[in-house]
Amino acid sequence: MKNRIEGFCKSDHFSYRQWDRKISDNLLSKILKDIETNNCNTLLIVSRKVLKKINKNINEELFIKIDNKTLITCFYCQFQEYLATKRIQQYIIIDKI
């Protein structure tokens, strides 16, 4: 895995989480290709539909936390559960790649 992808730098924590969750650089590149690198405190939410298209048999959304040009972390969670938490940040929902 590379330390930079589509203009973003991967934090060590992100790199570990990416490996742990089996998210390929190829998939990550497709997700990030149209995302601005100057987003502060933003959460990308990749829909289940997109994940199923690329043969990820996961019944949750993929969340990727970015801050400026850095990928902070990534995790799988159900959208409804995450919205139950009160967090102030921007969201970008990705429903096609």
N, C-alpha and C. Protein backbone atom coordinates (compact mmCIF):
# COMPACT_ATOMS: atom_id res chain seq x y z
N MET A 1 0.83 -1.19 0.00
CA MET A 1 0.00 0.00 0.00
C MET A 1 0.88 1.25 0.00
N LYS A 2 0.44 2.22 -0.75
CA LYS A 2 1.18 3.47 -0.85
C LYS A 2 0.79 4.39 0.32
N ASN A 3 1.65 5.39 0.62
CA ASN A 3 1.35 6.35 1.67
C ASN A 3 0.57 7.55 1.15
N ARG A 4 0.50 7.71 -0.17
CA ARG A 4 -0.26 8.81 -0.79
C ARG A 4 -1.17 8.22 -1.84
N ILE A 5 -2.36 8.81 -1.94
CA ILE A 5 -3.31 8.34 -2.95
C ILE A 5 -4.26 9.49 -3.32
N GLU A 6 -4.38 9.75 -4.61
CA GLU A 6 -5.28 10.79 -5.13
C GLU A 6 -5.12 12.14 -4.43
N GLY A 7 -3.87 12.52 -4.11
CA GLY A 7 -3.60 13.81 -3.48
C GLY A 7 -3.74 13.81 -1.97
N PHE A 8 -4.09 12.68 -1.38
CA PHE A 8 -4.23 12.56 0.07
C PHE A 8 -3.03 11.80 0.65
N CYS A 9 -2.64 12.17 1.87
CA CYS A 9 -1.64 11.41 2.63
C CYS A 9 -2.38 10.50 3.59
N LYS A 10 -1.88 9.29 3.76
CA LYS A 10 -2.48 8.36 4.71
C LYS A 10 -1.78 8.48 6.06
N SER A 11 -2.55 8.66 7.12
CA SER A 11 -1.95 8.60 8.45
C SER A 11 -1.60 7.14 8.74
N ASP A 12 -0.72 6.92 9.71
CA ASP A 12 -0.37 5.55 10.09
C ASP A 12 -1.62 4.79 10.55
N HIS A 13 -2.46 5.48 11.30
CA HIS A 13 -3.70 4.86 11.79
C HIS A 13 -4.58 4.44 10.61
N PHE A 14 -4.72 5.32 9.63
CA PHE A 14 -5.53 4.99 8.45
C PHE A 14 -4.96 3.78 7.72
N SER A 15 -3.65 3.76 7.52
CA SER A 15 -3.02 2.64 6.81
C SER A 15 -3.31 1.31 7.51
N TYR A 16 -3.22 1.33 8.83
CA TYR A 16 -3.53 0.11 9.57
C TYR A 16 -4.99 -0.28 9.40
N ARG A 17 -5.90 0.67 9.55
CA ARG A 17 -7.34 0.38 9.41
C ARG A 17 -7.68 -0.07 7.98
N GLN A 18 -7.03 0.51 7.00
CA GLN A 18 -7.26 0.10 5.61
C GLN A 18 -6.86 -1.36 5.44
N TRP A 19 -5.70 -1.72 5.95
CA TRP A 19 -5.24 -3.11 5.86
C TRP A 19 -6.18 -4.03 6.64
N ASP A 20 -6.56 -3.64 7.84
CA ASP A 20 -7.41 -4.45 8.71
C ASP A 20 -8.79 -4.69 8.09
N ARG A 21 -9.30 -3.72 7.38
CA ARG A 21 -10.63 -3.83 6.78
C ARG A 21 -10.60 -4.28 5.32
N LYS A 22 -9.40 -4.62 4.85
CA LYS A 22 -9.21 -5.17 3.50
C LYS A 22 -9.76 -4.25 2.41
N ILE A 23 -9.40 -2.97 2.50
CA ILE A 23 -9.79 -1.98 1.51
C ILE A 23 -8.60 -1.74 0.59
N SER A 24 -8.74 -2.10 -0.67
CA SER A 24 -7.62 -1.99 -1.60
C SER A 24 -7.36 -0.54 -2.00
N ASP A 25 -6.12 -0.27 -2.40
CA ASP A 25 -5.79 1.06 -2.92
C ASP A 25 -6.59 1.36 -4.18
N ASN A 26 -6.88 0.33 -4.97
CA ASN A 26 -7.67 0.50 -6.18
C ASN A 26 -9.07 1.03 -5.85
N LEU A 27 -9.74 0.43 -4.88
CA LEU A 27 -11.05 0.89 -4.45
C LEU A 27 -10.96 2.30 -3.86
N LEU A 28 -9.97 2.52 -3.03
CA LEU A 28 -9.79 3.81 -2.40
C LEU A 28 -9.58 4.90 -3.45
N SER A 29 -8.82 4.60 -4.46
CA SER A 29 -8.58 5.54 -5.54
C SER A 29 -9.88 5.91 -6.26
N LYS A 30 -10.72 4.91 -6.51
CA LYS A 30 -12.02 5.16 -7.17
C LYS A 30 -12.90 6.05 -6.30
N ILE A 31 -12.88 5.82 -4.99
CA ILE A 31 -13.71 6.61 -4.07
C ILE A 31 -13.23 8.04 -3.98
N LEU A 32 -11.91 8.24 -3.94
CA LEU A 32 -11.34 9.56 -3.69
C LEU A 32 -11.12 10.41 -4.93
N LYS A 33 -11.28 9.85 -6.12
CA LYS A 33 -10.88 10.56 -7.33
C LYS A 33 -11.57 11.91 -7.53
N ASP A 34 -12.79 12.08 -7.08
CA ASP A 34 -13.51 13.34 -7.28
C ASP A 34 -13.67 14.15 -5.99
N ILE A 35 -12.94 13.79 -4.95
CA ILE A 35 -13.06 14.47 -3.66
C ILE A 35 -11.99 15.55 -3.56
N GLU A 36 -12.40 16.76 -3.18
CA GLU A 36 -11.47 17.86 -2.97
C GLU A 36 -10.55 17.56 -1.80
N THR A 37 -9.28 17.94 -1.93
CA THR A 37 -8.31 17.65 -0.85
C THR A 37 -8.32 18.70 0.25
N ASN A 38 -9.10 19.75 0.12
CA ASN A 38 -9.10 20.81 1.13
C ASN A 38 -10.30 20.74 2.07
N ASN A 39 -10.96 19.60 2.17
CA ASN A 39 -12.10 19.44 3.07
C ASN A 39 -11.61 19.27 4.50
N CYS A 40 -12.15 20.07 5.41
CA CYS A 40 -11.79 19.97 6.82
C CYS A 40 -12.85 19.17 7.56
N ASN A 41 -12.41 18.30 8.45
CA ASN A 41 -13.31 17.55 9.33
C ASN A 41 -14.51 16.99 8.56
N THR A 42 -14.22 16.17 7.57
CA THR A 42 -15.25 15.64 6.68
C THR A 42 -15.29 14.13 6.76
N LEU A 43 -16.48 13.59 6.70
CA LEU A 43 -16.68 12.16 6.71
C LEU A 43 -17.27 11.73 5.37
N LEU A 44 -16.54 10.90 4.64
CA LEU A 44 -17.06 10.32 3.40
C LEU A 44 -17.85 9.08 3.77
N ILE A 45 -19.02 8.95 3.22
CA ILE A 45 -19.85 7.78 3.49
C ILE A 45 -20.09 7.07 2.16
N VAL A 46 -19.53 5.87 2.05
CA VAL A 46 -19.66 5.09 0.82
C VAL A 46 -20.82 4.12 1.02
N SER A 47 -21.81 4.22 0.15
CA SER A 47 -23.04 3.44 0.31
C SER A 47 -22.82 1.94 0.13
N ARG A 48 -23.74 1.18 0.66
CA ARG A 48 -23.73 -0.28 0.52
C ARG A 48 -23.83 -0.67 -0.95
N LYS A 49 -24.59 0.09 -1.70
CA LYS A 49 -24.78 -0.18 -3.13
C LYS A 49 -23.43 -0.16 -3.85
N VAL A 50 -22.61 0.83 -3.55
CA VAL A 50 -21.28 0.92 -4.16
C VAL A 50 -20.42 -0.26 -3.74
N LEU A 51 -20.46 -0.60 -2.46
CA LEU A 51 -19.66 -1.71 -1.95
C LEU A 51 -20.08 -3.04 -2.58
N LYS A 52 -21.37 -3.24 -2.76
CA LYS A 52 -21.84 -4.48 -3.38
C LYS A 52 -21.42 -4.56 -4.85
N LYS A 53 -21.37 -3.41 -5.54
CA LYS A 53 -20.94 -3.38 -6.93
C LYS A 53 -19.52 -3.89 -7.10
N ILE A 54 -18.69 -3.65 -6.11
CA ILE A 54 -17.30 -4.08 -6.20
C ILE A 54 -17.07 -5.39 -5.44
N ASN A 55 -18.17 -6.10 -5.20
CA ASN A 55 -18.14 -7.44 -4.59
C ASN A 55 -17.69 -7.47 -3.14
N LYS A 56 -17.89 -6.39 -2.42
CA LYS A 56 -17.67 -6.40 -0.98
C LYS A 56 -19.01 -6.78 -0.36
N ASN A 57 -19.10 -7.95 0.19
CA ASN A 57 -20.37 -8.42 0.75
C ASN A 57 -20.48 -7.95 2.20
N ILE A 58 -20.71 -6.66 2.34
CA ILE A 58 -20.79 -6.04 3.67
C ILE A 58 -22.13 -5.32 3.75
N ASN A 59 -22.82 -5.52 4.85
CA ASN A 59 -24.14 -4.94 5.02
C ASN A 59 -24.08 -3.64 5.84
N GLU A 60 -23.03 -2.88 5.63
CA GLU A 60 -22.85 -1.60 6.31
C GLU A 60 -22.22 -0.62 5.33
N GLU A 61 -22.22 0.63 5.69
CA GLU A 61 -21.56 1.64 4.87
C GLU A 61 -20.10 1.73 5.29
N LEU A 62 -19.27 2.22 4.38
CA LEU A 62 -17.86 2.49 4.68
C LEU A 62 -17.73 3.97 4.98
N PHE A 63 -17.15 4.29 6.11
CA PHE A 63 -16.92 5.67 6.52
C PHE A 63 -15.43 5.95 6.43
N ILE A 64 -15.07 7.06 5.80
CA ILE A 64 -13.67 7.47 5.69
C ILE A 64 -13.56 8.90 6.21
N LYS A 65 -12.79 9.08 7.26
CA LYS A 65 -12.61 10.40 7.86
C LYS A 65 -11.42 11.09 7.21
N ILE A 66 -11.64 12.31 6.70
CA ILE A 66 -10.56 13.08 6.10
C ILE A 66 -10.49 14.45 6.76
N ASP A 67 -9.30 15.00 6.80
CA ASP A 67 -9.09 16.36 7.31
C ASP A 67 -8.00 16.99 6.46
N ASN A 68 -8.37 18.02 5.72
CA ASN A 68 -7.49 18.64 4.73
C ASN A 68 -6.99 17.58 3.78
N LYS A 69 -5.71 17.38 3.68
CA LYS A 69 -5.16 16.41 2.71
C LYS A 69 -4.79 15.09 3.37
N THR A 70 -5.34 14.80 4.54
CA THR A 70 -4.96 13.60 5.28
C THR A 70 -6.15 12.68 5.48
N LEU A 71 -5.93 11.39 5.21
CA LEU A 71 -6.92 10.35 5.53
C LEU A 71 -6.65 9.94 6.96
N ILE A 72 -7.65 10.09 7.83
CA ILE A 72 -7.47 9.87 9.26
C ILE A 72 -7.80 8.44 9.67
N THR A 73 -8.97 7.95 9.31
CA THR A 73 -9.39 6.60 9.68
C THR A 73 -10.47 6.12 8.73
N CYS A 74 -10.79 4.84 8.81
CA CYS A 74 -11.92 4.29 8.05
C CYS A 74 -12.53 3.15 8.86
N PHE A 75 -13.83 2.99 8.70
CA PHE A 75 -14.52 1.94 9.45
C PHE A 75 -15.85 1.64 8.77
N TYR A 76 -16.39 0.48 9.10
CA TYR A 76 -17.71 0.09 8.62
C TYR A 76 -18.71 0.33 9.75
N CYS A 77 -19.86 0.86 9.40
CA CYS A 77 -20.90 1.13 10.39
C CYS A 77 -22.22 1.30 9.64
N GLN A 78 -23.31 1.07 10.32
CA GLN A 78 -24.60 1.34 9.70
C GLN A 78 -24.91 2.82 9.83
N PHE A 79 -25.35 3.40 8.74
CA PHE A 79 -25.59 4.83 8.66
C PHE A 79 -26.51 5.32 9.78
N GLN A 80 -27.56 4.57 10.06
CA GLN A 80 -28.52 4.97 11.08
C GLN A 80 -27.87 5.01 12.46
N GLU A 81 -27.02 4.07 12.75
CA GLU A 81 -26.34 4.04 14.04
C GLU A 81 -25.40 5.23 14.19
N TYR A 82 -24.68 5.55 13.12
CA TYR A 82 -23.74 6.65 13.20
C TYR A 82 -24.46 7.99 13.38
N LEU A 83 -25.60 8.16 12.70
CA LEU A 83 -26.33 9.42 12.83
C LEU A 83 -26.91 9.62 14.22
N ALA A 84 -27.04 8.55 14.99
CA ALA A 84 -27.54 8.67 16.35
C ALA A 84 -26.54 9.41 17.24
N THR A 85 -25.27 9.44 16.85
CA THR A 85 -24.27 10.17 17.62
C THR A 85 -24.30 11.63 17.19
N LYS A 86 -24.09 12.51 18.10
CA LYS A 86 -24.13 13.95 17.82
C LYS A 86 -22.71 14.45 17.58
N ARG A 87 -22.34 14.54 16.31
CA ARG A 87 -21.01 15.02 15.94
C ARG A 87 -21.17 16.16 14.96
N ILE A 88 -20.36 17.16 15.13
CA ILE A 88 -20.40 18.30 14.22
C ILE A 88 -19.29 18.12 13.19
N GLN A 89 -19.70 17.88 11.95
CA GLN A 89 -18.76 17.73 10.86
C GLN A 89 -19.50 17.76 9.54
N GLN A 90 -18.75 17.82 8.47
CA GLN A 90 -19.34 17.79 7.13
C GLN A 90 -19.43 16.34 6.67
N TYR A 91 -20.38 16.07 5.79
CA TYR A 91 -20.57 14.73 5.25
C TYR A 91 -20.58 14.80 3.73
N ILE A 92 -20.01 13.79 3.11
CA ILE A 92 -20.13 13.60 1.66
C ILE A 92 -20.57 12.17 1.47
N ILE A 93 -21.71 11.98 0.84
CA ILE A 93 -22.24 10.64 0.60
C ILE A 93 -21.90 10.22 -0.82
N ILE A 94 -21.27 9.06 -0.95
CA ILE A 94 -20.87 8.54 -2.25
C ILE A 94 -21.78 7.35 -2.57
N ASP A 95 -22.62 7.52 -3.58
CA ASP A 95 -23.53 6.44 -3.93
C ASP A 95 -23.28 5.88 -5.32
N LYS A 96 -22.22 6.36 -5.99
CA LYS A 96 -21.80 5.75 -7.25
C LYS A 96 -20.34 6.09 -7.50
N ILE A 97 -19.65 5.15 -8.15
CA ILE A 97 -18.25 5.40 -8.53
C ILE A 97 -18.06 4.97 -9.97
